[in-house]
Amino acid sequence: MGCTSPRKCNQCIKDFVKYILPGGRILDVGCGAGMPVTGFLAEQGFIVQGIDPSDQMIKRAKASGIANAEFTVADFLSYQTEQLFDGIIAFDSLWHIPLAKQQDIYPKLASLLKCGGYFLMTHGKDHGEIEGEMFGKVFYYALLSVAEVEEHLRNHAMEVVQKHMDYAEQTTGTRDLLLIARKVTE
C-alpha cells in the first residue's frame, strides 16, 4: 500500500498516529502481511493487533517478526476481543465487506474503540458495488456514499476530525476519501 519499509510509510498514517498516545493500542483492519502499516506502527512503539481474513496473509505477517504486534485471521465484522483500542486503521480494507453489511461496520467500530480513540479509513465517494482487479485477481468492492458514512459515524458517537476528498500523496497514490474520526462518547 504505497511503501516497502516502515520508515517510508504513508504520510496519512504518520499524521494519524499523532492523535494516539505513546504506547497506545491500535487495531489494523485488513493488515495483510503486516507491512507497511503494522510495521510502522510497531516501530513507533504502539501495541498493534492486525487482523485479516486471509490465512496466507496472516502467516506472512507472523513470519515477518514485527515486534509489538499480534496477528489473527479474522473478518472484521466477526472479530471478537475484550480489548478496546486507542486507534483503528482500515486502510483499503472495509470496502471489501458486502454492501448489505456496510452499515454493520459502524457499531462494530464503536464497540472496539475507546472513548477519545481515533479511526482512519480510506473509502470511495459513491454508494454502490463494483469489481476490480488487483495483483491479477478480481476483487469485490462495496461502498456507501460519503454522506452515509458520515451519518453512520455520527449515529455511533463519532465525529469527523479530518475529511480529504480526492486524497493524493506520493507513497499512497490516490483515494476518493480519506477520513479520520474520533469517538466522543460511550
N, C-alpha and C. Protein backbone atom coordinates (compact mmCIF):
# COMPACT_ATOMS: atom_id res chain seq x y z
N MET A 1 0.81 -1.19 0.00
CA MET A 1 0.00 0.00 0.00
C MET A 1 0.86 1.25 0.00
N GLY A 2 1.76 1.35 -0.92
CA GLY A 2 2.45 2.62 -1.10
C GLY A 2 3.84 2.70 -0.54
N CYS A 3 4.29 1.76 0.28
CA CYS A 3 5.66 1.83 0.76
C CYS A 3 6.15 0.42 1.08
N THR A 4 7.44 0.26 1.02
CA THR A 4 8.01 -1.06 1.24
C THR A 4 8.77 -1.15 2.55
N SER A 5 8.91 -0.06 3.24
CA SER A 5 9.62 -0.03 4.50
C SER A 5 8.80 0.77 5.51
N PRO A 6 8.79 0.36 6.79
CA PRO A 6 8.05 1.14 7.77
C PRO A 6 8.50 2.60 7.82
N ARG A 7 9.77 2.85 7.62
CA ARG A 7 10.27 4.22 7.68
C ARG A 7 9.73 5.09 6.55
N LYS A 8 9.28 4.45 5.48
CA LYS A 8 8.75 5.19 4.33
C LYS A 8 7.24 5.11 4.27
N CYS A 9 6.59 4.89 5.40
CA CYS A 9 5.15 4.67 5.42
C CYS A 9 4.39 5.94 5.02
N ASN A 10 3.14 5.73 4.63
CA ASN A 10 2.28 6.79 4.16
C ASN A 10 2.20 7.96 5.13
N GLN A 11 2.23 9.15 4.59
CA GLN A 11 2.15 10.35 5.42
C GLN A 11 0.84 10.39 6.21
N CYS A 12 -0.24 9.92 5.62
CA CYS A 12 -1.52 9.94 6.34
C CYS A 12 -1.47 9.07 7.59
N ILE A 13 -0.73 7.96 7.55
CA ILE A 13 -0.58 7.11 8.73
C ILE A 13 0.30 7.82 9.77
N LYS A 14 1.35 8.46 9.31
CA LYS A 14 2.21 9.23 10.22
C LYS A 14 1.43 10.34 10.90
N ASP A 15 0.54 11.00 10.15
CA ASP A 15 -0.28 12.06 10.74
C ASP A 15 -1.30 11.48 11.72
N PHE A 16 -1.88 10.34 11.39
CA PHE A 16 -2.87 9.70 12.25
C PHE A 16 -2.30 9.36 13.62
N VAL A 17 -1.09 8.81 13.66
CA VAL A 17 -0.54 8.37 14.95
C VAL A 17 -0.23 9.53 15.89
N LYS A 18 -0.20 10.74 15.38
CA LYS A 18 0.00 11.90 16.26
C LYS A 18 -1.18 12.07 17.21
N TYR A 19 -2.33 11.51 16.86
CA TYR A 19 -3.51 11.56 17.72
C TYR A 19 -3.46 10.52 18.84
N ILE A 20 -2.64 9.49 18.69
CA ILE A 20 -2.63 8.36 19.62
C ILE A 20 -1.52 8.54 20.66
N LEU A 21 -1.86 8.34 21.92
CA LEU A 21 -0.85 8.46 22.99
C LEU A 21 0.23 7.41 22.82
N PRO A 22 1.47 7.74 23.19
CA PRO A 22 2.56 6.76 23.09
C PRO A 22 2.19 5.46 23.82
N GLY A 23 2.53 4.34 23.19
CA GLY A 23 2.24 3.04 23.78
C GLY A 23 0.81 2.59 23.62
N GLY A 24 0.00 3.36 22.90
CA GLY A 24 -1.41 3.03 22.72
C GLY A 24 -1.61 1.76 21.91
N ARG A 25 -2.81 1.23 21.99
CA ARG A 25 -3.19 0.02 21.26
C ARG A 25 -3.92 0.41 19.98
N ILE A 26 -3.49 -0.20 18.87
CA ILE A 26 -4.08 0.09 17.58
C ILE A 26 -4.48 -1.21 16.89
N LEU A 27 -5.68 -1.21 16.32
CA LEU A 27 -6.17 -2.33 15.52
C LEU A 27 -5.97 -1.99 14.06
N ASP A 28 -5.26 -2.84 13.34
CA ASP A 28 -5.03 -2.67 11.90
C ASP A 28 -5.95 -3.65 11.17
N VAL A 29 -7.05 -3.13 10.63
CA VAL A 29 -8.06 -3.94 9.95
C VAL A 29 -7.62 -4.18 8.51
N GLY A 30 -7.50 -5.44 8.14
CA GLY A 30 -7.01 -5.77 6.80
C GLY A 30 -5.51 -5.56 6.72
N CYS A 31 -4.81 -6.06 7.72
CA CYS A 31 -3.36 -5.81 7.86
C CYS A 31 -2.52 -6.48 6.78
N GLY A 32 -3.09 -7.45 6.07
CA GLY A 32 -2.30 -8.13 5.04
C GLY A 32 -1.10 -8.81 5.66
N ALA A 33 0.05 -8.66 5.03
CA ALA A 33 1.28 -9.29 5.50
C ALA A 33 2.00 -8.47 6.58
N GLY A 34 1.36 -7.41 7.04
CA GLY A 34 1.93 -6.63 8.15
C GLY A 34 2.76 -5.43 7.74
N MET A 35 3.09 -5.33 6.49
CA MET A 35 3.89 -4.20 6.03
C MET A 35 3.10 -3.45 4.97
N PRO A 36 3.16 -2.19 4.98
CA PRO A 36 3.99 -1.34 5.80
C PRO A 36 3.33 -0.84 7.07
N VAL A 37 1.99 -0.87 7.15
CA VAL A 37 1.29 -0.16 8.23
C VAL A 37 1.60 -0.74 9.60
N THR A 38 1.37 -2.04 9.81
CA THR A 38 1.62 -2.62 11.13
C THR A 38 3.08 -2.45 11.53
N GLY A 39 3.99 -2.67 10.58
CA GLY A 39 5.41 -2.49 10.86
C GLY A 39 5.74 -1.09 11.32
N PHE A 40 5.19 -0.10 10.65
CA PHE A 40 5.41 1.29 11.03
C PHE A 40 4.87 1.58 12.42
N LEU A 41 3.63 1.14 12.68
CA LEU A 41 3.01 1.39 13.98
C LEU A 41 3.81 0.76 15.11
N ALA A 42 4.23 -0.48 14.92
CA ALA A 42 5.03 -1.17 15.94
C ALA A 42 6.37 -0.48 16.15
N GLU A 43 6.97 -0.03 15.05
CA GLU A 43 8.25 0.68 15.14
C GLU A 43 8.12 1.97 15.95
N GLN A 44 6.93 2.56 15.94
CA GLN A 44 6.68 3.79 16.70
C GLN A 44 6.36 3.52 18.17
N GLY A 45 6.32 2.25 18.56
CA GLY A 45 6.10 1.89 19.96
C GLY A 45 4.66 1.59 20.32
N PHE A 46 3.77 1.53 19.33
CA PHE A 46 2.39 1.17 19.60
C PHE A 46 2.26 -0.35 19.69
N ILE A 47 1.26 -0.80 20.43
CA ILE A 47 0.93 -2.21 20.50
C ILE A 47 -0.14 -2.45 19.45
N VAL A 48 0.15 -3.32 18.50
CA VAL A 48 -0.72 -3.46 17.33
C VAL A 48 -1.33 -4.85 17.26
N GLN A 49 -2.62 -4.87 16.99
CA GLN A 49 -3.32 -6.11 16.67
C GLN A 49 -3.70 -6.01 15.20
N GLY A 50 -3.17 -6.91 14.40
CA GLY A 50 -3.50 -6.95 12.99
C GLY A 50 -4.49 -8.07 12.73
N ILE A 51 -5.54 -7.76 11.98
CA ILE A 51 -6.49 -8.80 11.58
C ILE A 51 -6.66 -8.77 10.06
N ASP A 52 -6.86 -9.95 9.50
CA ASP A 52 -7.07 -10.07 8.07
C ASP A 52 -7.80 -11.40 7.84
N PRO A 53 -8.74 -11.44 6.90
CA PRO A 53 -9.45 -12.69 6.66
C PRO A 53 -8.63 -13.75 5.93
N SER A 54 -7.47 -13.38 5.40
CA SER A 54 -6.64 -14.32 4.64
C SER A 54 -5.62 -15.00 5.54
N ASP A 55 -5.73 -16.34 5.66
CA ASP A 55 -4.74 -17.06 6.47
C ASP A 55 -3.35 -16.95 5.86
N GLN A 56 -3.25 -16.85 4.53
CA GLN A 56 -1.94 -16.70 3.88
C GLN A 56 -1.28 -15.38 4.28
N MET A 57 -2.06 -14.30 4.31
CA MET A 57 -1.51 -13.00 4.70
C MET A 57 -1.07 -13.02 6.16
N ILE A 58 -1.87 -13.62 7.01
CA ILE A 58 -1.52 -13.68 8.44
C ILE A 58 -0.28 -14.53 8.66
N LYS A 59 -0.13 -15.62 7.93
CA LYS A 59 1.10 -16.43 8.02
C LYS A 59 2.31 -15.58 7.66
N ARG A 60 2.20 -14.81 6.59
CA ARG A 60 3.31 -13.93 6.18
C ARG A 60 3.58 -12.85 7.24
N ALA A 61 2.51 -12.31 7.81
CA ALA A 61 2.68 -11.27 8.84
C ALA A 61 3.38 -11.85 10.06
N LYS A 62 2.96 -13.03 10.49
CA LYS A 62 3.60 -13.66 11.65
C LYS A 62 5.07 -13.97 11.37
N ALA A 63 5.38 -14.36 10.16
CA ALA A 63 6.77 -14.69 9.79
C ALA A 63 7.65 -13.45 9.68
N SER A 64 7.04 -12.28 9.59
CA SER A 64 7.82 -11.04 9.42
C SER A 64 8.58 -10.65 10.69
N GLY A 65 8.16 -11.17 11.84
CA GLY A 65 8.87 -10.89 13.09
C GLY A 65 8.66 -9.47 13.61
N ILE A 66 7.56 -8.85 13.29
CA ILE A 66 7.30 -7.49 13.76
C ILE A 66 7.07 -7.51 15.27
N ALA A 67 7.89 -6.77 16.01
CA ALA A 67 7.75 -6.66 17.46
C ALA A 67 6.51 -5.85 17.80
N ASN A 68 5.96 -6.04 18.97
CA ASN A 68 4.79 -5.30 19.46
C ASN A 68 3.53 -5.53 18.63
N ALA A 69 3.49 -6.64 17.89
CA ALA A 69 2.32 -6.91 17.04
C ALA A 69 1.88 -8.36 17.17
N GLU A 70 0.57 -8.53 17.17
CA GLU A 70 -0.04 -9.85 17.11
C GLU A 70 -0.92 -9.88 15.88
N PHE A 71 -1.06 -11.06 15.28
CA PHE A 71 -1.83 -11.19 14.06
C PHE A 71 -2.85 -12.31 14.21
N THR A 72 -4.06 -12.06 13.73
CA THR A 72 -5.16 -13.01 13.85
C THR A 72 -5.91 -13.09 12.53
N VAL A 73 -6.23 -14.31 12.12
CA VAL A 73 -7.11 -14.48 10.97
C VAL A 73 -8.51 -14.15 11.45
N ALA A 74 -9.09 -13.10 10.89
CA ALA A 74 -10.44 -12.70 11.30
C ALA A 74 -11.04 -11.76 10.28
N ASP A 75 -12.32 -11.92 10.09
CA ASP A 75 -13.13 -10.98 9.35
C ASP A 75 -13.50 -9.87 10.35
N PHE A 76 -13.46 -8.62 9.92
CA PHE A 76 -13.72 -7.51 10.83
C PHE A 76 -15.05 -7.64 11.56
N LEU A 77 -16.11 -7.94 10.86
CA LEU A 77 -17.43 -7.96 11.49
C LEU A 77 -17.60 -9.09 12.49
N SER A 78 -16.82 -10.16 12.37
CA SER A 78 -16.93 -11.27 13.32
C SER A 78 -15.80 -11.27 14.35
N TYR A 79 -14.88 -10.33 14.26
CA TYR A 79 -13.75 -10.25 15.19
C TYR A 79 -14.25 -10.00 16.62
N GLN A 80 -13.74 -10.79 17.56
CA GLN A 80 -14.13 -10.67 18.96
C GLN A 80 -12.90 -10.45 19.83
N THR A 81 -13.01 -9.50 20.75
CA THR A 81 -11.95 -9.25 21.72
C THR A 81 -12.54 -8.47 22.90
N GLU A 82 -11.93 -8.62 24.05
CA GLU A 82 -12.31 -7.82 25.21
C GLU A 82 -11.56 -6.49 25.20
N GLN A 83 -10.52 -6.41 24.37
CA GLN A 83 -9.65 -5.25 24.31
C GLN A 83 -10.32 -4.07 23.59
N LEU A 84 -10.20 -2.88 24.15
CA LEU A 84 -10.60 -1.66 23.45
C LEU A 84 -9.33 -1.01 22.90
N PHE A 85 -9.47 -0.31 21.80
CA PHE A 85 -8.32 0.26 21.11
C PHE A 85 -8.32 1.78 21.16
N ASP A 86 -7.11 2.33 21.20
CA ASP A 86 -6.92 3.79 21.15
C ASP A 86 -7.04 4.29 19.72
N GLY A 87 -6.80 3.39 18.78
CA GLY A 87 -6.90 3.74 17.37
C GLY A 87 -7.25 2.52 16.54
N ILE A 88 -7.95 2.76 15.45
CA ILE A 88 -8.27 1.71 14.48
C ILE A 88 -7.96 2.26 13.10
N ILE A 89 -7.21 1.48 12.33
CA ILE A 89 -6.88 1.85 10.95
C ILE A 89 -7.50 0.83 10.01
N ALA A 90 -8.21 1.34 9.03
CA ALA A 90 -8.79 0.48 7.98
C ALA A 90 -8.38 1.09 6.64
N PHE A 91 -7.15 0.81 6.26
CA PHE A 91 -6.60 1.37 5.02
C PHE A 91 -6.88 0.40 3.88
N ASP A 92 -7.76 0.79 3.00
CA ASP A 92 -8.12 -0.02 1.82
C ASP A 92 -8.69 -1.39 2.19
N SER A 93 -9.49 -1.46 3.26
CA SER A 93 -9.98 -2.79 3.66
C SER A 93 -11.50 -2.89 3.81
N LEU A 94 -12.15 -1.93 4.38
CA LEU A 94 -13.58 -2.07 4.68
C LEU A 94 -14.45 -2.11 3.45
N TRP A 95 -13.95 -1.66 2.33
CA TRP A 95 -14.77 -1.69 1.12
C TRP A 95 -14.90 -3.08 0.53
N HIS A 96 -14.26 -4.08 1.12
CA HIS A 96 -14.43 -5.46 0.68
C HIS A 96 -15.60 -6.15 1.40
N ILE A 97 -16.20 -5.47 2.37
CA ILE A 97 -17.36 -6.00 3.07
C ILE A 97 -18.59 -5.80 2.17
N PRO A 98 -19.45 -6.83 2.04
CA PRO A 98 -20.61 -6.70 1.15
C PRO A 98 -21.47 -5.47 1.46
N LEU A 99 -22.08 -4.93 0.43
CA LEU A 99 -22.89 -3.72 0.57
C LEU A 99 -23.99 -3.90 1.62
N ALA A 100 -24.62 -5.05 1.66
CA ALA A 100 -25.70 -5.29 2.62
C ALA A 100 -25.22 -5.25 4.07
N LYS A 101 -23.91 -5.34 4.27
CA LYS A 101 -23.35 -5.33 5.63
C LYS A 101 -22.54 -4.07 5.93
N GLN A 102 -22.46 -3.14 4.99
CA GLN A 102 -21.67 -1.93 5.21
C GLN A 102 -22.12 -1.15 6.44
N GLN A 103 -23.42 -1.08 6.70
CA GLN A 103 -23.91 -0.34 7.87
C GLN A 103 -23.48 -1.01 9.17
N ASP A 104 -23.13 -2.30 9.14
CA ASP A 104 -22.69 -3.02 10.34
C ASP A 104 -21.28 -2.64 10.78
N ILE A 105 -20.55 -2.00 9.90
CA ILE A 105 -19.18 -1.57 10.21
C ILE A 105 -19.17 -0.61 11.40
N TYR A 106 -20.09 0.32 11.44
CA TYR A 106 -20.00 1.44 12.38
C TYR A 106 -20.33 1.08 13.82
N PRO A 107 -21.32 0.26 14.12
CA PRO A 107 -21.47 -0.18 15.50
C PRO A 107 -20.30 -1.06 15.95
N LYS A 108 -19.74 -1.83 15.01
CA LYS A 108 -18.57 -2.66 15.35
C LYS A 108 -17.40 -1.76 15.72
N LEU A 109 -17.15 -0.72 14.92
CA LEU A 109 -16.08 0.24 15.25
C LEU A 109 -16.29 0.82 16.64
N ALA A 110 -17.50 1.29 16.88
CA ALA A 110 -17.80 1.92 18.17
C ALA A 110 -17.58 0.96 19.33
N SER A 111 -17.84 -0.33 19.12
CA SER A 111 -17.67 -1.31 20.20
C SER A 111 -16.21 -1.62 20.48
N LEU A 112 -15.33 -1.36 19.52
CA LEU A 112 -13.90 -1.67 19.67
C LEU A 112 -13.04 -0.47 20.05
N LEU A 113 -13.57 0.73 19.90
CA LEU A 113 -12.79 1.95 20.08
C LEU A 113 -13.06 2.56 21.45
N LYS A 114 -11.99 2.92 22.15
CA LYS A 114 -12.13 3.63 23.43
C LYS A 114 -12.74 5.00 23.19
N CYS A 115 -13.42 5.52 24.20
CA CYS A 115 -13.88 6.90 24.13
C CYS A 115 -12.63 7.79 24.00
N GLY A 116 -12.64 8.67 23.02
CA GLY A 116 -11.47 9.51 22.75
C GLY A 116 -10.53 8.88 21.74
N GLY A 117 -10.82 7.65 21.32
CA GLY A 117 -9.98 6.97 20.33
C GLY A 117 -10.26 7.46 18.91
N TYR A 118 -9.35 7.16 18.00
CA TYR A 118 -9.43 7.65 16.63
C TYR A 118 -9.50 6.50 15.63
N PHE A 119 -10.14 6.80 14.50
CA PHE A 119 -10.35 5.85 13.44
C PHE A 119 -9.95 6.49 12.11
N LEU A 120 -9.12 5.78 11.33
CA LEU A 120 -8.75 6.24 9.99
C LEU A 120 -9.25 5.22 8.99
N MET A 121 -9.86 5.72 7.92
CA MET A 121 -10.30 4.84 6.84
C MET A 121 -10.09 5.49 5.49
N THR A 122 -9.87 4.65 4.49
CA THR A 122 -9.95 5.09 3.10
C THR A 122 -11.25 4.51 2.56
N HIS A 123 -11.84 5.22 1.61
CA HIS A 123 -13.18 4.84 1.15
C HIS A 123 -13.42 5.48 -0.21
N GLY A 124 -14.48 5.07 -0.84
CA GLY A 124 -14.91 5.71 -2.08
C GLY A 124 -15.92 6.81 -1.77
N LYS A 125 -16.45 7.42 -2.83
CA LYS A 125 -17.40 8.52 -2.66
C LYS A 125 -18.86 8.11 -2.86
N ASP A 126 -19.09 7.12 -3.69
CA ASP A 126 -20.43 6.83 -4.15
C ASP A 126 -20.95 5.49 -3.66
N HIS A 127 -22.23 5.45 -3.35
CA HIS A 127 -22.92 4.24 -2.92
C HIS A 127 -22.96 3.25 -4.10
N GLY A 128 -22.54 2.02 -3.84
CA GLY A 128 -22.65 1.02 -4.90
C GLY A 128 -21.66 -0.12 -4.73
N GLU A 129 -21.67 -1.01 -5.73
CA GLU A 129 -20.80 -2.18 -5.76
C GLU A 129 -20.08 -2.23 -7.10
N ILE A 130 -18.82 -2.64 -7.07
CA ILE A 130 -18.06 -2.83 -8.30
C ILE A 130 -17.09 -3.99 -8.10
N GLU A 131 -16.55 -4.48 -9.20
CA GLU A 131 -15.45 -5.43 -9.15
C GLU A 131 -14.27 -4.78 -9.83
N GLY A 132 -13.09 -5.05 -9.31
CA GLY A 132 -11.87 -4.52 -9.89
C GLY A 132 -10.79 -5.57 -9.83
N GLU A 133 -9.69 -5.30 -10.47
CA GLU A 133 -8.58 -6.25 -10.49
C GLU A 133 -7.40 -5.68 -9.70
N MET A 134 -6.78 -6.56 -8.92
CA MET A 134 -5.59 -6.19 -8.16
C MET A 134 -4.70 -7.43 -8.10
N PHE A 135 -3.44 -7.28 -8.43
CA PHE A 135 -2.49 -8.39 -8.43
C PHE A 135 -2.99 -9.56 -9.27
N GLY A 136 -3.68 -9.26 -10.36
CA GLY A 136 -4.17 -10.29 -11.27
C GLY A 136 -5.39 -11.05 -10.79
N LYS A 137 -6.01 -10.60 -9.70
CA LYS A 137 -7.19 -11.25 -9.16
C LYS A 137 -8.35 -10.26 -9.15
N VAL A 138 -9.56 -10.79 -9.28
CA VAL A 138 -10.76 -9.96 -9.22
C VAL A 138 -11.14 -9.75 -7.76
N PHE A 139 -11.38 -8.50 -7.39
CA PHE A 139 -11.79 -8.15 -6.04
C PHE A 139 -13.14 -7.44 -6.08
N TYR A 140 -13.93 -7.68 -5.06
CA TYR A 140 -15.24 -7.06 -4.89
C TYR A 140 -15.09 -5.83 -4.01
N TYR A 141 -15.78 -4.76 -4.36
CA TYR A 141 -15.78 -3.52 -3.57
C TYR A 141 -17.22 -3.07 -3.37
N ALA A 142 -17.53 -2.65 -2.16
CA ALA A 142 -18.86 -2.11 -1.85
C ALA A 142 -18.66 -0.82 -1.07
N LEU A 143 -19.48 0.16 -1.39
CA LEU A 143 -19.29 1.47 -0.78
C LEU A 143 -20.61 2.12 -0.44
N LEU A 144 -20.60 2.84 0.66
CA LEU A 144 -21.68 3.75 0.97
C LEU A 144 -21.26 5.12 0.46
N SER A 145 -22.19 6.02 0.32
CA SER A 145 -21.83 7.38 -0.08
C SER A 145 -21.12 8.06 1.09
N VAL A 146 -20.44 9.14 0.81
CA VAL A 146 -19.74 9.89 1.86
C VAL A 146 -20.75 10.37 2.90
N ALA A 147 -21.91 10.86 2.45
CA ALA A 147 -22.94 11.32 3.39
C ALA A 147 -23.42 10.18 4.29
N GLU A 148 -23.57 8.98 3.72
CA GLU A 148 -23.99 7.82 4.53
C GLU A 148 -22.92 7.45 5.55
N VAL A 149 -21.66 7.47 5.15
CA VAL A 149 -20.56 7.18 6.07
C VAL A 149 -20.58 8.16 7.24
N GLU A 150 -20.68 9.44 6.93
CA GLU A 150 -20.69 10.46 7.98
C GLU A 150 -21.90 10.30 8.91
N GLU A 151 -23.05 9.95 8.36
CA GLU A 151 -24.24 9.74 9.17
C GLU A 151 -24.05 8.54 10.11
N HIS A 152 -23.51 7.44 9.58
CA HIS A 152 -23.27 6.26 10.42
C HIS A 152 -22.27 6.57 11.53
N LEU A 153 -21.24 7.33 11.22
CA LEU A 153 -20.27 7.71 12.25
C LEU A 153 -20.96 8.53 13.35
N ARG A 154 -21.72 9.54 12.97
CA ARG A 154 -22.44 10.37 13.95
C ARG A 154 -23.38 9.52 14.80
N ASN A 155 -24.08 8.59 14.16
CA ASN A 155 -25.04 7.75 14.88
C ASN A 155 -24.37 6.78 15.86
N HIS A 156 -23.05 6.64 15.75
CA HIS A 156 -22.31 5.75 16.65
C HIS A 156 -21.24 6.50 17.42
N ALA A 157 -21.59 7.73 17.81
CA ALA A 157 -20.79 8.54 18.75
C ALA A 157 -19.42 8.93 18.22
N MET A 158 -19.30 9.10 16.90
CA MET A 158 -18.02 9.52 16.34
C MET A 158 -18.20 10.81 15.56
N GLU A 159 -17.18 11.67 15.67
CA GLU A 159 -17.18 12.92 14.92
C GLU A 159 -16.01 12.92 13.95
N VAL A 160 -16.24 13.44 12.77
CA VAL A 160 -15.19 13.53 11.77
C VAL A 160 -14.25 14.67 12.16
N VAL A 161 -12.96 14.37 12.24
CA VAL A 161 -11.98 15.41 12.55
C VAL A 161 -11.15 15.81 11.32
N GLN A 162 -11.08 14.91 10.34
CA GLN A 162 -10.42 15.22 9.07
C GLN A 162 -11.15 14.48 7.96
N LYS A 163 -11.39 15.19 6.87
CA LYS A 163 -12.01 14.57 5.70
C LYS A 163 -11.30 15.13 4.48
N HIS A 164 -10.71 14.23 3.71
CA HIS A 164 -9.98 14.63 2.50
C HIS A 164 -10.61 13.93 1.30
N MET A 165 -11.25 14.70 0.45
CA MET A 165 -11.80 14.17 -0.79
C MET A 165 -10.69 14.20 -1.84
N ASP A 166 -10.67 13.20 -2.71
CA ASP A 166 -9.65 13.10 -3.76
C ASP A 166 -8.24 13.20 -3.16
N TYR A 167 -8.03 12.41 -2.11
CA TYR A 167 -6.76 12.41 -1.39
C TYR A 167 -5.65 11.84 -2.28
N ALA A 168 -4.52 12.49 -2.25
CA ALA A 168 -3.37 12.01 -3.03
C ALA A 168 -2.09 12.32 -2.28
N GLU A 169 -1.19 11.36 -2.28
CA GLU A 169 0.16 11.58 -1.78
C GLU A 169 1.09 10.62 -2.51
N GLN A 170 2.35 10.94 -2.50
CA GLN A 170 3.31 10.18 -3.30
C GLN A 170 3.36 8.71 -2.93
N THR A 171 3.39 8.38 -1.65
CA THR A 171 3.53 6.97 -1.25
C THR A 171 2.22 6.20 -1.32
N THR A 172 1.10 6.89 -1.15
CA THR A 172 -0.20 6.25 -1.09
C THR A 172 -0.89 6.16 -2.43
N GLY A 173 -0.63 7.11 -3.29
CA GLY A 173 -1.40 7.22 -4.52
C GLY A 173 -2.66 8.00 -4.23
N THR A 174 -3.74 7.69 -4.92
CA THR A 174 -4.97 8.46 -4.74
C THR A 174 -6.06 7.60 -4.11
N ARG A 175 -6.91 8.24 -3.35
CA ARG A 175 -8.09 7.63 -2.76
C ARG A 175 -9.23 8.65 -2.88
N ASP A 176 -10.43 8.17 -3.14
CA ASP A 176 -11.56 9.09 -3.24
C ASP A 176 -11.79 9.82 -1.92
N LEU A 177 -11.59 9.11 -0.81
CA LEU A 177 -11.85 9.68 0.50
C LEU A 177 -10.86 9.11 1.51
N LEU A 178 -10.30 9.99 2.32
CA LEU A 178 -9.53 9.60 3.50
C LEU A 178 -10.17 10.34 4.65
N LEU A 179 -10.55 9.60 5.69
CA LEU A 179 -11.31 10.19 6.77
C LEU A 179 -10.72 9.76 8.11
N ILE A 180 -10.66 10.70 9.04
CA ILE A 180 -10.29 10.40 10.43
C ILE A 180 -11.43 10.87 11.30
N ALA A 181 -11.88 9.97 12.19
CA ALA A 181 -12.97 10.29 13.12
C ALA A 181 -12.52 9.97 14.53
N ARG A 182 -13.19 10.60 15.49
CA ARG A 182 -12.90 10.41 16.90
C ARG A 182 -14.17 9.98 17.62
N LYS A 183 -14.04 8.98 18.49
CA LYS A 183 -15.18 8.55 19.29
C LYS A 183 -15.33 9.53 20.46
N VAL A 184 -16.49 10.15 20.55
CA VAL A 184 -16.67 11.24 21.52
C VAL A 184 -17.43 10.84 22.78
N THR A 185 -18.22 9.76 22.73
CA THR A 185 -18.93 9.28 23.92
C THR A 185 -19.02 7.77 23.87
N GLU A 186 -19.35 7.19 24.99
CA GLU A 186 -19.52 5.73 25.06
C GLU A 186 -20.78 5.30 24.40
